[in-house]
Amino acid sequence: MSRDDYIGVSTPEEDDEWENKERQLQNRLEQEAQEEAHKHFVIQEFSHLILEDGPATAYSRLSKDAQEELRALIINEFTRRLTEANTGL
C-alpha cells in the first residue's frame, strides 16, 4: 500500500478517542456557558437588592473581603477622577 491509501483511515479506537475529545470539549463549553449565565443572574439579583434595600444594606451583607475589594475600587476610581479633574489647573 502507498501512503495515499492510509489518508483518512482511522481505527475504531482512534474514532472513539476523537469522539470522546469532542464530547469533553462540548461539555466544557456548556459548563462555561452555564457559569456565565449563573454569574449574570447573581449580578442581576445583587443589583435588585441594591435598588430595593439600598446600597448601605447591600454593602453590609457582603463578606469583609468583598467589602475591602469594593472599597479599594471606589477609592481608586475617586482618586483617578479627582486627579483627572485637577490636571492642568
N, C-alpha and C. Protein backbone atom coordinates (compact mmCIF):
# COMPACT_ATOMS: atom_id res chain seq x y z
N MET A 1 0.83 -1.18 0.00
CA MET A 1 0.00 0.00 0.00
C MET A 1 0.88 1.24 0.00
N SER A 2 0.37 2.27 -0.66
CA SER A 2 1.09 3.54 -0.68
C SER A 2 0.61 4.41 0.48
N ARG A 3 1.31 5.50 0.64
CA ARG A 3 0.94 6.42 1.71
C ARG A 3 -0.47 6.95 1.50
N ASP A 4 -0.86 7.19 0.28
CA ASP A 4 -2.19 7.72 -0.02
C ASP A 4 -3.30 6.77 0.40
N ASP A 5 -3.03 5.49 0.51
CA ASP A 5 -4.04 4.52 0.92
C ASP A 5 -4.40 4.68 2.41
N TYR A 6 -3.53 5.31 3.19
CA TYR A 6 -3.75 5.46 4.63
C TYR A 6 -4.44 6.78 4.99
N ILE A 7 -4.45 7.75 4.08
CA ILE A 7 -5.03 9.05 4.39
C ILE A 7 -6.54 8.90 4.61
N GLY A 8 -7.02 9.45 5.71
CA GLY A 8 -8.44 9.41 6.01
C GLY A 8 -8.90 8.12 6.65
N VAL A 9 -7.99 7.22 6.91
CA VAL A 9 -8.36 5.95 7.52
C VAL A 9 -7.96 5.99 8.99
N SER A 10 -8.91 5.64 9.85
CA SER A 10 -8.59 5.60 11.27
C SER A 10 -9.17 4.33 11.86
N THR A 11 -8.61 3.96 12.98
CA THR A 11 -9.09 2.75 13.65
C THR A 11 -10.31 3.11 14.49
N PRO A 12 -11.10 2.12 14.87
CA PRO A 12 -12.25 2.39 15.75
C PRO A 12 -11.83 3.04 17.07
N GLU A 13 -10.66 2.64 17.58
CA GLU A 13 -10.17 3.24 18.81
C GLU A 13 -9.87 4.73 18.62
N GLU A 14 -9.28 5.09 17.48
CA GLU A 14 -9.00 6.49 17.19
C GLU A 14 -10.30 7.29 17.03
N ASP A 15 -11.28 6.66 16.38
CA ASP A 15 -12.58 7.32 16.24
C ASP A 15 -13.22 7.56 17.61
N ASP A 16 -13.16 6.55 18.49
CA ASP A 16 -13.71 6.70 19.84
C ASP A 16 -13.00 7.79 20.62
N GLU A 17 -11.67 7.83 20.48
CA GLU A 17 -10.89 8.84 21.18
C GLU A 17 -11.26 10.24 20.69
N TRP A 18 -11.44 10.39 19.37
CA TRP A 18 -11.81 11.68 18.80
C TRP A 18 -13.20 12.10 19.29
N GLU A 19 -14.14 11.16 19.28
CA GLU A 19 -15.49 11.47 19.76
C GLU A 19 -15.47 11.84 21.24
N ASN A 20 -14.64 11.16 22.03
CA ASN A 20 -14.53 11.47 23.45
C ASN A 20 -13.99 12.88 23.66
N LYS A 21 -12.98 13.26 22.88
CA LYS A 21 -12.42 14.60 22.98
C LYS A 21 -13.45 15.66 22.59
N GLU A 22 -14.21 15.37 21.53
CA GLU A 22 -15.26 16.31 21.11
C GLU A 22 -16.33 16.45 22.20
N ARG A 23 -16.69 15.35 22.82
CA ARG A 23 -17.69 15.35 23.89
C ARG A 23 -17.18 16.15 25.09
N GLN A 24 -15.92 15.97 25.45
CA GLN A 24 -15.33 16.70 26.57
C GLN A 24 -15.31 18.20 26.29
N LEU A 25 -14.95 18.57 25.05
CA LEU A 25 -14.94 19.98 24.68
C LEU A 25 -16.35 20.56 24.74
N GLN A 26 -17.32 19.84 24.22
CA GLN A 26 -18.70 20.30 24.25
C GLN A 26 -19.19 20.45 25.69
N ASN A 27 -18.86 19.50 26.56
CA ASN A 27 -19.24 19.58 27.97
C ASN A 27 -18.61 20.80 28.64
N ARG A 28 -17.35 21.05 28.34
CA ARG A 28 -16.65 22.20 28.91
C ARG A 28 -17.29 23.51 28.45
N LEU A 29 -17.64 23.58 27.16
CA LEU A 29 -18.28 24.79 26.64
C LEU A 29 -19.65 25.01 27.28
N GLU A 30 -20.40 23.94 27.45
CA GLU A 30 -21.70 24.04 28.09
C GLU A 30 -21.57 24.48 29.55
N GLN A 31 -20.58 23.94 30.25
CA GLN A 31 -20.36 24.31 31.64
C GLN A 31 -19.97 25.79 31.75
N GLU A 32 -19.11 26.26 30.85
CA GLU A 32 -18.72 27.67 30.86
C GLU A 32 -19.93 28.56 30.59
N ALA A 33 -20.80 28.16 29.66
CA ALA A 33 -22.00 28.93 29.36
C ALA A 33 -22.93 28.97 30.57
N GLN A 34 -23.07 27.85 31.27
CA GLN A 34 -23.90 27.81 32.47
C GLN A 34 -23.33 28.70 33.57
N GLU A 35 -22.01 28.69 33.72
CA GLU A 35 -21.37 29.53 34.73
C GLU A 35 -21.58 31.01 34.42
N GLU A 36 -21.47 31.39 33.15
CA GLU A 36 -21.70 32.77 32.75
C GLU A 36 -23.15 33.17 33.00
N ALA A 37 -24.07 32.28 32.69
CA ALA A 37 -25.49 32.57 32.92
C ALA A 37 -25.75 32.73 34.41
N HIS A 38 -25.12 31.91 35.23
CA HIS A 38 -25.30 32.00 36.68
C HIS A 38 -24.74 33.32 37.20
N LYS A 39 -23.56 33.71 36.72
CA LYS A 39 -22.97 34.99 37.13
C LYS A 39 -23.89 36.15 36.77
N HIS A 40 -24.45 36.10 35.56
CA HIS A 40 -25.36 37.15 35.12
C HIS A 40 -26.58 37.21 36.05
N PHE A 41 -27.13 36.06 36.40
CA PHE A 41 -28.28 36.00 37.30
C PHE A 41 -27.94 36.59 38.67
N VAL A 42 -26.80 36.20 39.21
CA VAL A 42 -26.39 36.68 40.54
C VAL A 42 -26.20 38.19 40.52
N ILE A 43 -25.57 38.70 39.47
CA ILE A 43 -25.34 40.14 39.38
C ILE A 43 -26.67 40.88 39.27
N GLN A 44 -27.60 40.33 38.50
CA GLN A 44 -28.92 40.96 38.40
C GLN A 44 -29.63 40.96 39.75
N GLU A 45 -29.53 39.88 40.48
CA GLU A 45 -30.14 39.80 41.81
C GLU A 45 -29.49 40.78 42.78
N PHE A 46 -28.18 40.91 42.70
CA PHE A 46 -27.47 41.85 43.57
C PHE A 46 -27.87 43.29 43.22
N SER A 47 -28.00 43.58 41.94
CA SER A 47 -28.45 44.90 41.51
C SER A 47 -29.84 45.19 42.06
N HIS A 48 -30.71 44.21 41.98
CA HIS A 48 -32.07 44.35 42.52
C HIS A 48 -32.02 44.60 44.03
N LEU A 49 -31.17 43.89 44.73
CA LEU A 49 -31.02 44.06 46.17
C LEU A 49 -30.57 45.49 46.51
N ILE A 50 -29.62 46.01 45.75
CA ILE A 50 -29.14 47.38 45.98
C ILE A 50 -30.28 48.38 45.78
N LEU A 51 -31.04 48.18 44.71
CA LEU A 51 -32.13 49.12 44.43
C LEU A 51 -33.28 48.99 45.42
N GLU A 52 -33.55 47.79 45.89
CA GLU A 52 -34.66 47.57 46.81
C GLU A 52 -34.31 47.95 48.25
N ASP A 53 -33.16 47.48 48.74
CA ASP A 53 -32.80 47.65 50.15
C ASP A 53 -31.82 48.80 50.38
N GLY A 54 -31.24 49.31 49.33
CA GLY A 54 -30.28 50.40 49.45
C GLY A 54 -28.85 49.90 49.43
N PRO A 55 -27.93 50.75 48.98
CA PRO A 55 -26.53 50.33 48.86
C PRO A 55 -25.87 50.03 50.20
N ALA A 56 -26.22 50.77 51.25
CA ALA A 56 -25.59 50.53 52.56
C ALA A 56 -25.95 49.16 53.10
N THR A 57 -27.20 48.78 52.94
CA THR A 57 -27.64 47.46 53.41
C THR A 57 -26.98 46.35 52.61
N ALA A 58 -26.96 46.51 51.29
CA ALA A 58 -26.32 45.50 50.44
C ALA A 58 -24.84 45.38 50.77
N TYR A 59 -24.19 46.53 50.95
CA TYR A 59 -22.76 46.54 51.28
C TYR A 59 -22.50 45.84 52.61
N SER A 60 -23.36 46.07 53.59
CA SER A 60 -23.15 45.47 54.91
C SER A 60 -23.32 43.95 54.88
N ARG A 61 -24.01 43.44 53.89
CA ARG A 61 -24.22 41.99 53.79
C ARG A 61 -23.07 41.28 53.10
N LEU A 62 -22.16 42.05 52.49
CA LEU A 62 -21.01 41.44 51.83
C LEU A 62 -20.02 40.91 52.86
N SER A 63 -19.22 39.94 52.43
CA SER A 63 -18.14 39.47 53.31
C SER A 63 -17.13 40.60 53.49
N LYS A 64 -16.33 40.52 54.54
CA LYS A 64 -15.33 41.56 54.80
C LYS A 64 -14.35 41.70 53.64
N ASP A 65 -13.94 40.56 53.07
CA ASP A 65 -13.02 40.61 51.93
C ASP A 65 -13.65 41.33 50.74
N ALA A 66 -14.92 41.03 50.47
CA ALA A 66 -15.61 41.68 49.36
C ALA A 66 -15.77 43.17 49.63
N GLN A 67 -16.06 43.53 50.89
CA GLN A 67 -16.17 44.95 51.25
C GLN A 67 -14.85 45.67 50.99
N GLU A 68 -13.74 45.04 51.38
CA GLU A 68 -12.42 45.65 51.17
C GLU A 68 -12.12 45.83 49.69
N GLU A 69 -12.45 44.83 48.88
CA GLU A 69 -12.23 44.92 47.43
C GLU A 69 -13.05 46.05 46.82
N LEU A 70 -14.31 46.12 47.21
CA LEU A 70 -15.19 47.16 46.69
C LEU A 70 -14.75 48.54 47.15
N ARG A 71 -14.36 48.66 48.41
CA ARG A 71 -13.88 49.93 48.95
C ARG A 71 -12.63 50.38 48.19
N ALA A 72 -11.70 49.48 47.95
CA ALA A 72 -10.47 49.83 47.22
C ALA A 72 -10.80 50.30 45.80
N LEU A 73 -11.74 49.63 45.15
CA LEU A 73 -12.14 50.02 43.80
C LEU A 73 -12.73 51.43 43.79
N ILE A 74 -13.60 51.71 44.74
CA ILE A 74 -14.25 53.03 44.80
C ILE A 74 -13.23 54.11 45.09
N ILE A 75 -12.32 53.87 46.02
CA ILE A 75 -11.29 54.86 46.35
C ILE A 75 -10.38 55.10 45.16
N ASN A 76 -9.96 54.03 44.49
CA ASN A 76 -9.09 54.19 43.31
C ASN A 76 -9.78 54.97 42.21
N GLU A 77 -11.04 54.68 41.97
CA GLU A 77 -11.80 55.38 40.93
C GLU A 77 -11.97 56.86 41.30
N PHE A 78 -12.29 57.13 42.57
CA PHE A 78 -12.44 58.50 43.03
C PHE A 78 -11.12 59.27 42.86
N THR A 79 -10.02 58.65 43.26
CA THR A 79 -8.71 59.29 43.17
C THR A 79 -8.36 59.57 41.70
N ARG A 80 -8.62 58.61 40.82
CA ARG A 80 -8.33 58.80 39.39
C ARG A 80 -9.13 59.97 38.83
N ARG A 81 -10.41 60.02 39.14
CA ARG A 81 -11.25 61.11 38.63
C ARG A 81 -10.83 62.46 39.21
N LEU A 82 -10.49 62.47 40.48
CA LEU A 82 -10.04 63.72 41.12
C LEU A 82 -8.76 64.21 40.48
N THR A 83 -7.84 63.29 40.21
CA THR A 83 -6.57 63.64 39.57
C THR A 83 -6.82 64.18 38.16
N GLU A 84 -7.70 63.52 37.41
CA GLU A 84 -8.01 63.99 36.06
C GLU A 84 -8.66 65.37 36.07
N ALA A 85 -9.53 65.60 37.06
CA ALA A 85 -10.23 66.87 37.14
C ALA A 85 -9.27 68.01 37.48
N ASN A 86 -8.22 67.71 38.26
CA ASN A 86 -7.29 68.75 38.71
C ASN A 86 -6.07 68.89 37.80
N THR A 87 -5.95 68.04 36.82
CA THR A 87 -4.82 68.12 35.91
C THR A 87 -4.97 69.36 35.02
N GLY A 88 -3.93 70.13 34.95
CA GLY A 88 -3.94 71.31 34.08
C GLY A 88 -4.45 72.56 34.75
N LEU A 89 -4.73 72.52 36.04
CA LEU A 89 -5.19 73.73 36.71
C LEU A 89 -4.04 74.64 37.05
